[in-house]
Amino acid sequence: MKLNGVKVNKSTDILGTLNTVIFSPEDLKLIKEGPALRRRFIDNELSQIRPKYYYILSQYNKVLMQRNNILKTLMFSPSNRTTLEIFSEQLADYGSVIIQNRIEFIKN
């Protein structure tokens, strides 16, 4: 590599010299496909930037799965309503943090 005609030994020496954005056909899927792909993209980016976000996202998915299992059995076990309320509260708590992080990410 050369920068202004001078050979550059390390690629790190040219960082910040030329800022580019590359779009590939796969990147267009973010626009053309549904919102699930966009959420997954944002979640992957946030997980790399903020490890705590990944923890919250995995806790959200875990609670969602448990809550859905309770919903399936609720007809046969009405006593699970209290447990359902607890999981619903946890889901709302984790979900609000996820939404706040996504909104902040999009603004930035």
PDB file of N, CA and C in Angstrom:
ATOM      1  N   MET A   1       0.843  -1.178   0.000  1.00  0.00           N
ATOM      2  CA  MET A   1       0.000   0.000   0.000  1.00  0.00           C
ATOM      3  C   MET A   1       0.882   1.233   0.000  1.00  0.00           C
ATOM      4  N   LYS A   2       0.351   2.254  -0.636  1.00  0.00           N
ATOM      5  CA  LYS A   2       1.042   3.537  -0.661  1.00  0.00           C
ATOM      6  C   LYS A   2       0.068   4.627  -0.280  1.00  0.00           C
ATOM      7  N   LEU A   3       0.552   5.599   0.439  1.00  0.00           N
ATOM      8  CA  LEU A   3      -0.213   6.777   0.808  1.00  0.00           C
ATOM      9  C   LEU A   3       0.549   7.997   0.324  1.00  0.00           C
ATOM     10  N   ASN A   4      -0.035   8.715  -0.604  1.00  0.00           N
ATOM     11  CA  ASN A   4       0.628   9.868  -1.225  1.00  0.00           C
ATOM     12  C   ASN A   4       1.987   9.486  -1.815  1.00  0.00           C
ATOM     13  N   GLY A   5       2.041   8.302  -2.418  1.00  0.00           N
ATOM     14  CA  GLY A   5       3.254   7.839  -3.085  1.00  0.00           C
ATOM     15  C   GLY A   5       4.288   7.232  -2.162  1.00  0.00           C
ATOM     16  N   VAL A   6       4.030   7.214  -0.861  1.00  0.00           N
ATOM     17  CA  VAL A   6       4.982   6.677   0.110  1.00  0.00           C
ATOM     18  C   VAL A   6       4.467   5.329   0.584  1.00  0.00           C
ATOM     19  N   LYS A   7       5.347   4.324   0.568  1.00  0.00           N
ATOM     20  CA  LYS A   7       4.957   2.990   0.990  1.00  0.00           C
ATOM     21  C   LYS A   7       4.593   2.985   2.480  1.00  0.00           C
ATOM     22  N   VAL A   8       3.493   2.333   2.780  1.00  0.00           N
ATOM     23  CA  VAL A   8       3.020   2.227   4.161  1.00  0.00           C
ATOM     24  C   VAL A   8       3.265   0.795   4.622  1.00  0.00           C
ATOM     25  N   ASN A   9       3.949   0.643   5.754  1.00  0.00           N
ATOM     26  CA  ASN A   9       4.286  -0.691   6.252  1.00  0.00           C
ATOM     27  C   ASN A   9       3.135  -1.366   6.982  1.00  0.00           C
ATOM     28  N   LYS A  10       2.400  -0.579   7.754  1.00  0.00           N
ATOM     29  CA  LYS A  10       1.308  -1.145   8.547  1.00  0.00           C
ATOM     30  C   LYS A  10      -0.023  -0.568   8.069  1.00  0.00           C
ATOM     31  N   SER A  11      -1.018  -1.424   7.991  1.00  0.00           N
ATOM     32  CA  SER A  11      -2.336  -0.949   7.559  1.00  0.00           C
ATOM     33  C   SER A  11      -2.935   0.019   8.583  1.00  0.00           C
ATOM     34  N   THR A  12      -2.498  -0.083   9.821  1.00  0.00           N
ATOM     35  CA  THR A  12      -3.024   0.832  10.849  1.00  0.00           C
ATOM     36  C   THR A  12      -2.563   2.264  10.613  1.00  0.00           C
ATOM     37  N   ASP A  13      -1.501   2.457   9.824  1.00  0.00           N
ATOM     38  CA  ASP A  13      -0.995   3.807   9.543  1.00  0.00           C
ATOM     39  C   ASP A  13      -1.940   4.603   8.637  1.00  0.00           C
ATOM     40  N   ILE A  14      -2.837   3.909   7.946  1.00  0.00           N
ATOM     41  CA  ILE A  14      -3.745   4.632   7.053  1.00  0.00           C
ATOM     42  C   ILE A  14      -5.170   4.721   7.594  1.00  0.00           C
ATOM     43  N   LEU A  15      -5.365   4.200   8.790  1.00  0.00           N
ATOM     44  CA  LEU A  15      -6.704   4.267   9.367  1.00  0.00           C
ATOM     45  C   LEU A  15      -7.140   5.719   9.516  1.00  0.00           C
ATOM     46  N   GLY A  16      -8.364   5.999   9.121  1.00  0.00           N
ATOM     47  CA  GLY A  16      -8.906   7.343   9.223  1.00  0.00           C
ATOM     48  C   GLY A  16      -8.553   8.233   8.048  1.00  0.00           C
ATOM     49  N   THR A  17      -7.705   7.749   7.138  1.00  0.00           N
ATOM     50  CA  THR A  17      -7.318   8.545   5.975  1.00  0.00           C
ATOM     51  C   THR A  17      -8.419   8.561   4.923  1.00  0.00           C
ATOM     52  N   LEU A  18      -8.997   7.418   4.675  1.00  0.00           N
ATOM     53  CA  LEU A  18     -10.061   7.296   3.689  1.00  0.00           C
ATOM     54  C   LEU A  18     -11.251   6.611   4.349  1.00  0.00           C
ATOM     55  N   ASN A  19     -12.285   7.384   4.592  1.00  0.00           N
ATOM     56  CA  ASN A  19     -13.489   6.826   5.203  1.00  0.00           C
ATOM     57  C   ASN A  19     -14.463   6.434   4.097  1.00  0.00           C
ATOM     58  N   THR A  20     -14.857   5.183   4.108  1.00  0.00           N
ATOM     59  CA  THR A  20     -15.764   4.691   3.069  1.00  0.00           C
ATOM     60  C   THR A  20     -16.880   3.866   3.694  1.00  0.00           C
ATOM     61  N   VAL A  21     -17.941   3.737   2.928  1.00  0.00           N
ATOM     62  CA  VAL A  21     -19.040   2.856   3.288  1.00  0.00           C
ATOM     63  C   VAL A  21     -19.258   1.937   2.100  1.00  0.00           C
ATOM     64  N   ILE A  22     -19.266   0.666   2.348  1.00  0.00           N
ATOM     65  CA  ILE A  22     -19.443  -0.305   1.274  1.00  0.00           C
ATOM     66  C   ILE A  22     -20.787  -0.984   1.453  1.00  0.00           C
ATOM     67  N   PHE A  23     -21.553  -1.007   0.381  1.00  0.00           N
ATOM     68  CA  PHE A  23     -22.826  -1.717   0.391  1.00  0.00           C
ATOM     69  C   PHE A  23     -22.695  -2.942  -0.493  1.00  0.00           C
ATOM     70  N   SER A  24     -23.117  -4.056   0.032  1.00  0.00           N
ATOM     71  CA  SER A  24     -23.138  -5.281  -0.762  1.00  0.00           C
ATOM     72  C   SER A  24     -24.596  -5.683  -0.955  1.00  0.00           C
ATOM     73  N   PRO A  25     -24.868  -6.606  -1.856  1.00  0.00           N
ATOM     74  CA  PRO A  25     -26.255  -7.056  -2.036  1.00  0.00           C
ATOM     75  C   PRO A  25     -26.881  -7.573  -0.743  1.00  0.00           C
ATOM     76  N   GLU A  26     -26.068  -8.176   0.110  1.00  0.00           N
ATOM     77  CA  GLU A  26     -26.584  -8.665   1.385  1.00  0.00           C
ATOM     78  C   GLU A  26     -27.041  -7.527   2.288  1.00  0.00           C
ATOM     79  N   ASP A  27     -26.348  -6.387   2.189  1.00  0.00           N
ATOM     80  CA  ASP A  27     -26.715  -5.225   3.006  1.00  0.00           C
ATOM     81  C   ASP A  27     -28.081  -4.666   2.618  1.00  0.00           C
ATOM     82  N   LEU A  28     -28.448  -4.809   1.364  1.00  0.00           N
ATOM     83  CA  LEU A  28     -29.743  -4.312   0.912  1.00  0.00           C
ATOM     84  C   LEU A  28     -30.902  -5.083   1.539  1.00  0.00           C
ATOM     85  N   LYS A  29     -30.614  -6.273   2.029  1.00  0.00           N
ATOM     86  CA  LYS A  29     -31.651  -7.051   2.716  1.00  0.00           C
ATOM     87  C   LYS A  29     -32.173  -6.296   3.943  1.00  0.00           C
ATOM     88  N   LEU A  30     -31.310  -5.491   4.551  1.00  0.00           N
ATOM     89  CA  LEU A  30     -31.738  -4.708   5.711  1.00  0.00           C
ATOM     90  C   LEU A  30     -32.901  -3.785   5.366  1.00  0.00           C
ATOM     91  N   ILE A  31     -32.911  -3.317   4.138  1.00  0.00           N
ATOM     92  CA  ILE A  31     -33.964  -2.404   3.700  1.00  0.00           C
ATOM     93  C   ILE A  31     -35.150  -3.178   3.135  1.00  0.00           C
ATOM     94  N   LYS A  32     -34.850  -4.182   2.330  1.00  0.00           N
ATOM     95  CA  LYS A  32     -35.904  -4.896   1.607  1.00  0.00           C
ATOM     96  C   LYS A  32     -36.635  -5.928   2.459  1.00  0.00           C
ATOM     97  N   GLU A  33     -35.938  -6.570   3.378  1.00  0.00           N
ATOM     98  CA  GLU A  33     -36.539  -7.634   4.188  1.00  0.00           C
ATOM     99  C   GLU A  33     -37.357  -7.032   5.332  1.00  0.00           C
ATOM    100  N   GLY A  34     -37.915  -7.884   6.140  1.00  0.00           N
ATOM    101  CA  GLY A  34     -38.779  -7.448   7.230  1.00  0.00           C
ATOM    102  C   GLY A  34     -38.017  -6.874   8.418  1.00  0.00           C
ATOM    103  N   PRO A  35     -38.762  -6.380   9.409  1.00  0.00           N
ATOM    104  CA  PRO A  35     -38.153  -5.733  10.573  1.00  0.00           C
ATOM    105  C   PRO A  35     -37.349  -6.687  11.460  1.00  0.00           C
ATOM    106  N   ALA A  36     -37.629  -7.965  11.409  1.00  0.00           N
ATOM    107  CA  ALA A  36     -36.884  -8.920  12.245  1.00  0.00           C
ATOM    108  C   ALA A  36     -35.397  -8.899  11.899  1.00  0.00           C
ATOM    109  N   LEU A  37     -35.093  -8.795  10.613  1.00  0.00           N
ATOM    110  CA  LEU A  37     -33.688  -8.743  10.187  1.00  0.00           C
ATOM    111  C   LEU A  37     -33.016  -7.466  10.675  1.00  0.00           C
ATOM    112  N   ARG A  38     -33.746  -6.346  10.626  1.00  0.00           N
ATOM    113  CA  ARG A  38     -33.184  -5.082  11.111  1.00  0.00           C
ATOM    114  C   ARG A  38     -32.948  -5.134  12.615  1.00  0.00           C
ATOM    115  N   ARG A  39     -33.898  -5.723  13.358  1.00  0.00           N
ATOM    116  CA  ARG A  39     -33.708  -5.845  14.812  1.00  0.00           C
ATOM    117  C   ARG A  39     -32.506  -6.725  15.111  1.00  0.00           C
ATOM    118  N   ARG A  40     -32.367  -7.820  14.382  1.00  0.00           N
ATOM    119  CA  ARG A  40     -31.230  -8.722  14.599  1.00  0.00           C
ATOM    120  C   ARG A  40     -29.914  -8.005  14.313  1.00  0.00           C
ATOM    121  N   PHE A  41     -29.889  -7.194  13.248  1.00  0.00           N
ATOM    122  CA  PHE A  41     -28.691  -6.420  12.916  1.00  0.00           C
ATOM    123  C   PHE A  41     -28.337  -5.465  14.046  1.00  0.00           C
ATOM    124  N   ILE A  42     -29.324  -4.716  14.514  1.00  0.00           N
ATOM    125  CA  ILE A  42     -29.098  -3.760  15.605  1.00  0.00           C
ATOM    126  C   ILE A  42     -28.657  -4.496  16.865  1.00  0.00           C
ATOM    127  N   ASP A  43     -29.290  -5.622  17.163  1.00  0.00           N
ATOM    128  CA  ASP A  43     -28.921  -6.392  18.351  1.00  0.00           C
ATOM    129  C   ASP A  43     -27.482  -6.893  18.261  1.00  0.00           C
ATOM    130  N   ASN A  44     -27.078  -7.356  17.082  1.00  0.00           N
ATOM    131  CA  ASN A  44     -25.694  -7.824  16.912  1.00  0.00           C
ATOM    132  C   ASN A  44     -24.699  -6.682  17.098  1.00  0.00           C
ATOM    133  N   GLU A  45     -25.015  -5.527  16.531  1.00  0.00           N
ATOM    134  CA  GLU A  45     -24.123  -4.377  16.679  1.00  0.00           C
ATOM    135  C   GLU A  45     -24.030  -3.937  18.140  1.00  0.00           C
ATOM    136  N   LEU A  46     -25.183  -3.825  18.795  1.00  0.00           N
ATOM    137  CA  LEU A  46     -25.193  -3.390  20.201  1.00  0.00           C
ATOM    138  C   LEU A  46     -24.486  -4.402  21.100  1.00  0.00           C
ATOM    139  N   SER A  47     -24.612  -5.677  20.798  1.00  0.00           N
ATOM    140  CA  SER A  47     -23.958  -6.705  21.609  1.00  0.00           C
ATOM    141  C   SER A  47     -22.450  -6.590  21.538  1.00  0.00           C
ATOM    142  N   GLN A  48     -21.937  -6.144  20.380  1.00  0.00           N
ATOM    143  CA  GLN A  48     -20.488  -5.966  20.238  1.00  0.00           C
ATOM    144  C   GLN A  48     -20.019  -4.704  20.950  1.00  0.00           C
ATOM    145  N   ILE A  49     -20.855  -3.677  20.923  1.00  0.00           N
ATOM    146  CA  ILE A  49     -20.484  -2.401  21.540  1.00  0.00           C
ATOM    147  C   ILE A  49     -20.646  -2.448  23.056  1.00  0.00           C
ATOM    148  N   ARG A  50     -21.745  -3.070  23.498  1.00  0.00           N
ATOM    149  CA  ARG A  50     -22.092  -3.112  24.923  1.00  0.00           C
ATOM    150  C   ARG A  50     -22.370  -4.547  25.364  1.00  0.00           C
ATOM    151  N   PRO A  51     -21.390  -5.194  25.989  1.00  0.00           N
ATOM    152  CA  PRO A  51     -21.596  -6.572  26.436  1.00  0.00           C
ATOM    153  C   PRO A  51     -22.796  -6.731  27.380  1.00  0.00           C
ATOM    154  N   LYS A  52     -23.098  -5.701  28.155  1.00  0.00           N
ATOM    155  CA  LYS A  52     -24.245  -5.776  29.062  1.00  0.00           C
ATOM    156  C   LYS A  52     -25.547  -5.906  28.272  1.00  0.00           C
ATOM    157  N   TYR A  53     -25.598  -5.288  27.095  1.00  0.00           N
ATOM    158  CA  TYR A  53     -26.786  -5.383  26.248  1.00  0.00           C
ATOM    159  C   TYR A  53     -27.040  -6.838  25.853  1.00  0.00           C
ATOM    160  N   TYR A  54     -25.978  -7.552  25.513  1.00  0.00           N
ATOM    161  CA  TYR A  54     -26.127  -8.966  25.138  1.00  0.00           C
ATOM    162  C   TYR A  54     -26.720  -9.765  26.296  1.00  0.00           C
ATOM    163  N   TYR A  55     -26.272  -9.478  27.505  1.00  0.00           N
ATOM    164  CA  TYR A  55     -26.799 -10.164  28.683  1.00  0.00           C
ATOM    165  C   TYR A  55     -28.296  -9.877  28.840  1.00  0.00           C
ATOM    166  N   ILE A  56     -28.688  -8.616  28.703  1.00  0.00           N
ATOM    167  CA  ILE A  56     -30.091  -8.233  28.852  1.00  0.00           C
ATOM    168  C   ILE A  56     -30.934  -8.889  27.756  1.00  0.00           C
ATOM    169  N   LEU A  57     -30.420  -8.902  26.535  1.00  0.00           N
ATOM    170  CA  LEU A  57     -31.137  -9.520  25.421  1.00  0.00           C
ATOM    171  C   LEU A  57     -31.323 -11.021  25.644  1.00  0.00           C
ATOM    172  N   SER A  58     -30.299 -11.691  26.140  1.00  0.00           N
ATOM    173  CA  SER A  58     -30.429 -13.131  26.385  1.00  0.00           C
ATOM    174  C   SER A  58     -31.374 -13.400  27.553  1.00  0.00           C
ATOM    175  N   GLN A  59     -31.368 -12.551  28.561  1.00  0.00           N
ATOM    176  CA  GLN A  59     -32.316 -12.700  29.672  1.00  0.00           C
ATOM    177  C   GLN A  59     -33.754 -12.486  29.170  1.00  0.00           C
ATOM    178  N   TYR A  60     -33.943 -11.499  28.313  1.00  0.00           N
ATOM    179  CA  TYR A  60     -35.258 -11.226  27.731  1.00  0.00           C
ATOM    180  C   TYR A  60     -35.770 -12.463  26.988  1.00  0.00           C
ATOM    181  N   ASN A  61     -34.929 -13.040  26.156  1.00  0.00           N
ATOM    182  CA  ASN A  61     -35.331 -14.223  25.383  1.00  0.00           C
ATOM    183  C   ASN A  61     -35.639 -15.411  26.284  1.00  0.00           C
ATOM    184  N   LYS A  62     -34.879 -15.556  27.348  1.00  0.00           N
ATOM    185  CA  LYS A  62     -35.100 -16.637  28.304  1.00  0.00           C
ATOM    186  C   LYS A  62     -36.455 -16.464  29.013  1.00  0.00           C
ATOM    187  N   VAL A  63     -36.728 -15.247  29.481  1.00  0.00           N
ATOM    188  CA  VAL A  63     -37.991 -14.964  30.168  1.00  0.00           C
ATOM    189  C   VAL A  63     -39.162 -15.108  29.193  1.00  0.00           C
ATOM    190  N   LEU A  64     -38.972 -14.669  27.953  1.00  0.00           N
ATOM    191  CA  LEU A  64     -40.020 -14.795  26.942  1.00  0.00           C
ATOM    192  C   LEU A  64     -40.391 -16.259  26.718  1.00  0.00           C
ATOM    193  N   MET A  65     -39.389 -17.115  26.631  1.00  0.00           N
ATOM    194  CA  MET A  65     -39.637 -18.536  26.436  1.00  0.00           C
ATOM    195  C   MET A  65     -40.384 -19.128  27.639  1.00  0.00           C
ATOM    196  N   GLN A  66     -39.960 -18.778  28.838  1.00  0.00           N
ATOM    197  CA  GLN A  66     -40.619 -19.282  30.046  1.00  0.00           C
ATOM    198  C   GLN A  66     -42.057 -18.781  30.128  1.00  0.00           C
ATOM    199  N   ARG A  67     -42.273 -17.514  29.809  1.00  0.00           N
ATOM    200  CA  ARG A  67     -43.614 -16.936  29.848  1.00  0.00           C
ATOM    201  C   ARG A  67     -44.524 -17.612  28.823  1.00  0.00           C
ATOM    202  N   ASN A  68     -43.991 -17.860  27.630  1.00  0.00           N
ATOM    203  CA  ASN A  68     -44.782 -18.524  26.600  1.00  0.00           C
ATOM    204  C   ASN A  68     -45.161 -19.945  27.009  1.00  0.00           C
ATOM    205  N   ASN A  69     -44.255 -20.625  27.691  1.00  0.00           N
ATOM    206  CA  ASN A  69     -44.561 -21.977  28.185  1.00  0.00           C
ATOM    207  C   ASN A  69     -45.683 -21.945  29.222  1.00  0.00           C
ATOM    208  N   ILE A  70     -45.656 -20.948  30.072  1.00  0.00           N
ATOM    209  CA  ILE A  70     -46.724 -20.817  31.076  1.00  0.00           C
ATOM    210  C   ILE A  70     -48.056 -20.518  30.389  1.00  0.00           C
ATOM    211  N   LEU A  71     -48.026 -19.654  29.380  1.00  0.00           N
ATOM    212  CA  LEU A  71     -49.255 -19.335  28.655  1.00  0.00           C
ATOM    213  C   LEU A  71     -49.881 -20.585  28.038  1.00  0.00           C
ATOM    214  N   LYS A  72     -49.054 -21.495  27.561  1.00  0.00           N
ATOM    215  CA  LYS A  72     -49.554 -22.735  26.959  1.00  0.00           C
ATOM    216  C   LYS A  72     -50.238 -23.635  27.975  1.00  0.00           C
ATOM    217  N   THR A  73     -49.790 -23.578  29.233  1.00  0.00           N
ATOM    218  CA  THR A  73     -50.332 -24.469  30.257  1.00  0.00           C
ATOM    219  C   THR A  73     -51.384 -23.805  31.139  1.00  0.00           C
ATOM    220  N   LEU A  74     -51.636 -22.534  30.901  1.00  0.00           N
ATOM    221  CA  LEU A  74     -52.527 -21.770  31.776  1.00  0.00           C
ATOM    222  C   LEU A  74     -53.938 -22.346  31.842  1.00  0.00           C
ATOM    223  N   MET A  75     -54.431 -22.867  30.749  1.00  0.00           N
ATOM    224  CA  MET A  75     -55.777 -23.422  30.735  1.00  0.00           C
ATOM    225  C   MET A  75     -55.885 -24.638  31.667  1.00  0.00           C
ATOM    226  N   PHE A  76     -54.823 -25.402  31.753  1.00  0.00           N
ATOM    227  CA  PHE A  76     -54.828 -26.608  32.582  1.00  0.00           C
ATOM    228  C   PHE A  76     -54.376 -26.334  34.014  1.00  0.00           C
ATOM    229  N   SER A  77     -53.623 -25.260  34.197  1.00  0.00           N
ATOM    230  CA  SER A  77     -53.116 -24.901  35.526  1.00  0.00           C
ATOM    231  C   SER A  77     -53.378 -23.425  35.799  1.00  0.00           C
ATOM    232  N   PRO A  78     -54.598 -23.056  36.155  1.00  0.00           N
ATOM    233  CA  PRO A  78     -54.907 -21.644  36.409  1.00  0.00           C
ATOM    234  C   PRO A  78     -54.082 -21.025  37.534  1.00  0.00           C
ATOM    235  N   SER A  79     -53.520 -21.853  38.389  1.00  0.00           N
ATOM    236  CA  SER A  79     -52.714 -21.335  39.497  1.00  0.00           C
ATOM    237  C   SER A  79     -51.426 -20.664  39.004  1.00  0.00           C
ATOM    238  N   ASN A  80     -51.096 -20.856  37.728  1.00  0.00           N
ATOM    239  CA  ASN A  80     -49.876 -20.260  37.172  1.00  0.00           C
ATOM    240  C   ASN A  80     -50.035 -18.779  36.834  1.00  0.00           C
ATOM    241  N   ARG A  81     -51.202 -18.207  37.099  1.00  0.00           N
ATOM    242  CA  ARG A  81     -51.430 -16.788  36.781  1.00  0.00           C
ATOM    243  C   ARG A  81     -50.450 -15.873  37.516  1.00  0.00           C
ATOM    244  N   THR A  82     -50.169 -16.193  38.770  1.00  0.00           N
ATOM    245  CA  THR A  82     -49.231 -15.374  39.545  1.00  0.00           C
ATOM    246  C   THR A  82     -47.837 -15.424  38.920  1.00  0.00           C
ATOM    247  N   THR A  83     -47.426 -16.612  38.536  1.00  0.00           N
ATOM    248  CA  THR A  83     -46.120 -16.772  37.893  1.00  0.00           C
ATOM    249  C   THR A  83     -46.095 -16.033  36.565  1.00  0.00           C
ATOM    250  N   LEU A  84     -47.197 -16.081  35.845  1.00  0.00           N
ATOM    251  CA  LEU A  84     -47.301 -15.378  34.564  1.00  0.00           C
ATOM    252  C   LEU A  84     -47.116 -13.874  34.759  1.00  0.00           C
ATOM    253  N   GLU A  85     -47.702 -13.332  35.805  1.00  0.00           N
ATOM    254  CA  GLU A  85     -47.560 -11.897  36.082  1.00  0.00           C
ATOM    255  C   GLU A  85     -46.109 -11.531  36.367  1.00  0.00           C
ATOM    256  N   ILE A  86     -45.422 -12.379  37.107  1.00  0.00           N
ATOM    257  CA  ILE A  86     -44.012 -12.129  37.430  1.00  0.00           C
ATOM    258  C   ILE A  86     -43.172 -12.116  36.155  1.00  0.00           C
ATOM    259  N   PHE A  87     -43.383 -13.129  35.308  1.00  0.00           N
ATOM    260  CA  PHE A  87     -42.628 -13.183  34.059  1.00  0.00           C
ATOM    261  C   PHE A  87     -42.981 -12.014  33.147  1.00  0.00           C
ATOM    262  N   SER A  88     -44.229 -11.599  33.147  1.00  0.00           N
ATOM    263  CA  SER A  88     -44.646 -10.464  32.314  1.00  0.00           C
ATOM    264  C   SER A  88     -43.962  -9.182  32.771  1.00  0.00           C
ATOM    265  N   GLU A  89     -43.835  -8.990  34.076  1.00  0.00           N
ATOM    266  CA  GLU A  89     -43.136  -7.812  34.598  1.00  0.00           C
ATOM    267  C   GLU A  89     -41.658  -7.831  34.208  1.00  0.00           C
ATOM    268  N   GLN A  90     -41.036  -8.996  34.351  1.00  0.00           N
ATOM    269  CA  GLN A  90     -39.622  -9.109  33.968  1.00  0.00           C
ATOM    270  C   GLN A  90     -39.451  -8.844  32.477  1.00  0.00           C
ATOM    271  N   LEU A  91     -40.368  -9.370  31.684  1.00  0.00           N
ATOM    272  CA  LEU A  91     -40.313  -9.172  30.238  1.00  0.00           C
ATOM    273  C   LEU A  91     -40.418  -7.690  29.893  1.00  0.00           C
ATOM    274  N   ALA A  92     -41.308  -6.984  30.568  1.00  0.00           N
ATOM    275  CA  ALA A  92     -41.467  -5.544  30.330  1.00  0.00           C
ATOM    276  C   ALA A  92     -40.206  -4.784  30.747  1.00  0.00           C
ATOM    277  N   ASP A  93     -39.606  -5.174  31.868  1.00  0.00           N
ATOM    278  CA  ASP A  93     -38.392  -4.498  32.339  1.00  0.00           C
ATOM    279  C   ASP A  93     -37.244  -4.671  31.342  1.00  0.00           C
ATOM    280  N   TYR A  94     -36.988  -5.927  30.959  1.00  0.00           N
ATOM    281  CA  TYR A  94     -35.910  -6.180  29.994  1.00  0.00           C
ATOM    282  C   TYR A  94     -36.233  -5.539  28.646  1.00  0.00           C
ATOM    283  N   GLY A  95     -37.480  -5.645  28.229  1.00  0.00           N
ATOM    284  CA  GLY A  95     -37.886  -5.094  26.940  1.00  0.00           C
ATOM    285  C   GLY A  95     -37.700  -3.592  26.862  1.00  0.00           C
ATOM    286  N   SER A  96     -37.995  -2.891  27.946  1.00  0.00           N
ATOM    287  CA  SER A  96     -37.839  -1.430  27.926  1.00  0.00           C
ATOM    288  C   SER A  96     -36.367  -1.039  27.798  1.00  0.00           C
ATOM    289  N   VAL A  97     -35.485  -1.784  28.435  1.00  0.00           N
ATOM    290  CA  VAL A  97     -34.041  -1.500  28.316  1.00  0.00           C
ATOM    291  C   VAL A  97     -33.583  -1.755  26.884  1.00  0.00           C
ATOM    292  N   ILE A  98     -34.072  -2.835  26.291  1.00  0.00           N
ATOM    293  CA  ILE A  98     -33.707  -3.164  24.910  1.00  0.00           C
ATOM    294  C   ILE A  98     -34.178  -2.061  23.966  1.00  0.00           C
ATOM    295  N   ILE A  99     -35.417  -1.623  24.127  1.00  0.00           N
ATOM    296  CA  ILE A  99     -35.958  -0.575  23.262  1.00  0.00           C
ATOM    297  C   ILE A  99     -35.174   0.729  23.422  1.00  0.00           C
ATOM    298  N   GLN A 100     -34.848   1.095  24.655  1.00  0.00           N
ATOM    299  CA  GLN A 100     -34.072   2.324  24.884  1.00  0.00           C
ATOM    300  C   GLN A 100     -32.717   2.254  24.188  1.00  0.00           C
ATOM    301  N   ASN A 101     -32.063   1.102  24.283  1.00  0.00           N
ATOM    302  CA  ASN A 101     -30.757   0.945  23.641  1.00  0.00           C
ATOM    303  C   ASN A 101     -30.871   1.013  22.123  1.00  0.00           C
ATOM    304  N   ARG A 102     -31.908   0.392  21.576  1.00  0.00           N
ATOM    305  CA  ARG A 102     -32.100   0.425  20.120  1.00  0.00           C
ATOM    306  C   ARG A 102     -32.361   1.845  19.636  1.00  0.00           C
ATOM    307  N   ILE A 103     -33.200   2.579  20.354  1.00  0.00           N
ATOM    308  CA  ILE A 103     -33.499   3.966  19.970  1.00  0.00           C
ATOM    309  C   ILE A 103     -32.233   4.805  20.007  1.00  0.00           C
ATOM    310  N   GLU A 104     -31.447   4.669  21.058  1.00  0.00           N
ATOM    311  CA  GLU A 104     -30.194   5.420  21.179  1.00  0.00           C
ATOM    312  C   GLU A 104     -29.231   5.061  20.055  1.00  0.00           C
ATOM    313  N   PHE A 105     -29.155   3.765  19.726  1.00  0.00           N
ATOM    314  CA  PHE A 105     -28.282   3.296  18.647  1.00  0.00           C
ATOM    315  C   PHE A 105     -28.691   3.930  17.319  1.00  0.00           C
ATOM    316  N   ILE A 106     -29.981   3.944  17.040  1.00  0.00           N
ATOM    317  CA  ILE A 106     -30.478   4.498  15.785  1.00  0.00           C
ATOM    318  C   ILE A 106     -30.221   5.997  15.717  1.00  0.00           C
ATOM    319  N   LYS A 107     -30.414   6.700  16.832  1.00  0.00           N
ATOM    320  CA  LYS A 107     -30.143   8.150  16.855  1.00  0.00           C
ATOM    321  C   LYS A 107     -28.688   8.431  16.545  1.00  0.00           C
ATOM    322  N   ASN A 108     -27.799   7.627  17.148  1.00  0.00           N
ATOM    323  CA  ASN A 108     -26.362   7.834  16.921  1.00  0.00           C
ATOM    324  C   ASN A 108     -25.971   7.430  15.509  1.00  0.00           C
TER     325      ASN A 108
END
